Amino acid sequence: MKLLGSIFLLTMAFLLIGCGTSSNNNVINGNWTASLTDSSGAPAFGFNTTLQSNGSGGVTVSNLTFTTANPCFASGSTATGGFTLSGTTNGVTTGGFQMTIQSGSPVVSGSNALALQGTLNNNTVSGTWTLTGTSPGCSGSGSFTMNKV
């Protein structure tokens, strides 16, 4: 009887471990839309993208498309990201998020980088952004919100 109880407990532990680790990291996976405002609250940038967790803290960023015209990022811009799961409480998943968008190559619009640093709260990421660049008008900072669509 003790053996049967031990087997049951061990099986339940493996099931809980398996469910708890994979599904929460996947909360970042999907299509996202972002709105960035400058320090005065005026719209600065907008973009759509697809995010995919690699399970070890990295995030693959694909299908990056700016929805606002801007001189800082030509087609061919690349992005990298990261996501650190904090936990899930009462069905709300939270974690740290960072993403960097680098201007394309060949560098037609200068060497520009947009860095986002924020916090995931279920299907929304909010935080701050900083743009540094060599192109005229390609510097600044503000806040952003990304929503999973």
Protein backbone atom coordinates (compact mmCIF):
# COMPACT_ATOMS: atom_id res chain seq x y z
CA MET A 1 0.00 0.00 0.00
CA LYS A 2 2.89 2.38 0.81
CA LEU A 3 4.43 1.62 -2.59
CA LEU A 4 1.17 2.47 -4.36
CA GLY A 5 0.91 5.76 -2.43
CA SER A 6 4.52 6.66 -3.22
CA ILE A 7 4.01 5.95 -6.92
CA PHE A 8 0.88 8.12 -6.93
CA LEU A 9 2.66 11.04 -5.22
CA LEU A 10 5.64 10.79 -7.54
CA THR A 11 3.37 10.75 -10.61
CA MET A 12 1.47 13.81 -9.37
CA ALA A 13 4.74 15.67 -8.73
CA PHE A 14 5.93 15.03 -12.29
CA LEU A 15 2.60 16.19 -13.70
CA LEU A 16 2.68 19.42 -11.69
CA ILE A 17 6.27 20.15 -12.69
CA GLY A 18 5.48 19.53 -16.36
CA CYS A 19 2.39 21.73 -16.35
CA GLY A 20 3.93 24.54 -14.36
CA THR A 21 7.05 25.19 -16.38
CA SER A 22 6.12 25.00 -20.03
CA SER A 23 2.77 26.75 -20.23
CA ASN A 24 3.78 29.84 -18.24
CA ASN A 25 6.82 30.59 -20.40
CA ASN A 26 4.57 30.37 -23.44
CA VAL A 27 2.39 33.29 -22.28
CA ILE A 28 4.66 35.60 -24.31
CA ASN A 29 4.08 33.61 -27.53
CA GLY A 30 1.89 35.27 -30.15
CA ASN A 31 1.23 38.46 -32.07
CA TRP A 32 1.70 41.80 -30.31
CA THR A 33 0.98 45.43 -31.13
CA ALA A 34 2.95 48.26 -29.51
CA SER A 35 2.31 51.95 -28.93
CA LEU A 36 5.17 54.17 -27.80
CA THR A 37 4.71 57.71 -26.50
CA ASP A 38 7.40 60.30 -25.88
CA SER A 39 8.11 61.95 -22.53
CA SER A 40 5.32 64.49 -23.12
CA GLY A 41 2.77 61.73 -23.89
CA ALA A 42 2.65 62.35 -27.66
CA PRO A 43 2.65 59.30 -29.97
CA ALA A 44 6.19 58.41 -31.08
CA PHE A 45 6.20 54.95 -32.69
CA GLY A 46 3.96 51.99 -33.28
CA PHE A 47 4.77 48.48 -34.45
CA ASN A 48 3.42 44.95 -34.74
CA THR A 49 5.48 41.83 -34.14
CA THR A 50 5.39 38.15 -33.31
CA LEU A 51 7.14 36.90 -30.15
CA GLN A 52 8.17 33.32 -29.36
CA SER A 53 9.80 32.22 -26.09
CA ASN A 54 12.74 29.87 -26.52
CA GLY A 55 12.18 28.50 -23.00
CA SER A 56 15.49 29.69 -21.57
CA GLY A 57 14.88 33.42 -21.19
CA GLY A 58 15.33 34.42 -24.82
CA VAL A 59 12.58 35.63 -27.12
CA THR A 60 12.60 35.29 -30.89
CA VAL A 61 11.19 38.43 -32.52
CA SER A 62 9.79 38.06 -36.04
CA ASN A 63 7.41 39.83 -38.44
CA LEU A 64 8.46 43.24 -37.12
CA THR A 65 6.52 45.96 -38.93
CA PHE A 66 6.41 49.63 -37.95
CA THR A 67 2.87 51.03 -38.23
CA THR A 68 4.05 54.64 -38.06
CA ALA A 69 6.32 56.30 -40.57
CA ASN A 70 9.72 56.99 -39.07
CA PRO A 71 13.16 57.82 -40.45
CA CYS A 72 14.99 55.73 -37.85
CA PHE A 73 14.16 52.21 -38.97
CA ALA A 74 14.23 51.13 -42.59
CA SER A 75 13.06 47.74 -43.77
CA GLY A 76 15.40 45.01 -42.65
CA SER A 77 15.54 46.13 -39.03
CA THR A 78 16.21 43.30 -36.61
CA ALA A 79 15.13 42.72 -33.03
CA THR A 80 16.07 40.55 -30.08
CA GLY A 81 14.30 40.07 -26.78
CA GLY A 82 14.18 38.41 -23.43
CA PHE A 83 11.52 37.33 -20.97
CA THR A 84 11.92 36.30 -17.34
CA LEU A 85 8.90 34.66 -15.74
CA SER A 86 8.19 35.95 -12.22
CA GLY A 87 5.23 33.72 -11.53
CA THR A 88 1.51 33.19 -11.75
CA THR A 89 -0.83 34.26 -8.97
CA ASN A 90 -4.61 33.85 -9.22
CA GLY A 91 -4.30 33.23 -12.96
CA VAL A 92 -2.21 36.37 -13.64
CA THR A 93 1.23 35.70 -15.13
CA THR A 94 3.93 38.33 -14.58
CA GLY A 95 7.52 38.74 -15.62
CA GLY A 96 10.25 41.01 -16.89
CA PHE A 97 10.52 41.82 -20.59
CA GLN A 98 13.17 43.48 -22.71
CA MET A 99 13.51 44.00 -26.44
CA THR A 100 16.00 45.83 -28.66
CA ILE A 101 15.32 46.86 -32.25
CA GLN A 102 18.38 47.61 -34.39
CA SER A 103 18.23 49.58 -37.66
CA GLY A 104 18.65 47.52 -40.82
CA SER A 105 21.71 46.88 -42.90
CA PRO A 106 22.95 48.35 -45.10
CA VAL A 107 22.63 51.30 -42.80
CA VAL A 108 20.51 53.68 -44.86
CA SER A 109 18.96 55.40 -41.85
CA GLY A 110 22.06 55.45 -39.64
CA SER A 111 22.87 53.21 -36.71
CA ASN A 112 19.82 53.38 -34.45
CA ALA A 113 18.70 51.24 -31.52
CA LEU A 114 15.35 51.21 -29.74
CA ALA A 115 15.49 49.54 -26.31
CA LEU A 116 12.30 48.57 -24.47
CA GLN A 117 12.29 47.52 -20.81
CA GLY A 118 9.02 46.50 -19.18
CA THR A 119 6.87 44.17 -17.16
CA LEU A 120 4.47 41.54 -18.47
CA ASN A 121 1.08 41.37 -16.77
CA ASN A 122 -0.87 38.63 -18.59
CA ASN A 123 -1.51 39.93 -22.12
CA THR A 124 0.03 43.40 -21.64
CA VAL A 125 3.61 44.58 -21.39
CA SER A 126 4.22 48.12 -20.20
CA GLY A 127 7.39 50.02 -19.43
CA THR A 128 9.88 52.52 -20.78
CA TRP A 129 11.82 52.92 -24.01
CA THR A 130 15.01 54.67 -25.09
CA LEU A 131 16.06 55.45 -28.66
CA THR A 132 19.70 56.16 -29.40
CA GLY A 133 20.94 56.80 -32.88
CA THR A 134 23.15 58.60 -35.34
CA SER A 135 20.35 59.74 -37.65
CA PRO A 136 18.84 63.19 -37.08
CA GLY A 137 15.76 62.96 -34.86
CA CYS A 138 16.54 59.39 -33.80
CA SER A 139 16.94 59.84 -30.07
CA GLY A 140 14.46 60.11 -27.23
CA SER A 141 12.64 58.23 -24.54
CA GLY A 142 9.18 57.62 -23.15
CA SER A 143 6.76 54.88 -22.20
CA PHE A 144 5.20 52.02 -24.11
CA THR A 145 2.38 49.51 -23.97
CA MET A 146 2.29 46.25 -25.91
CA ASN A 147 -0.89 44.21 -26.16
CA LYS A 148 -1.24 40.61 -27.27
CA VAL A 149 -3.70 40.36 -30.16
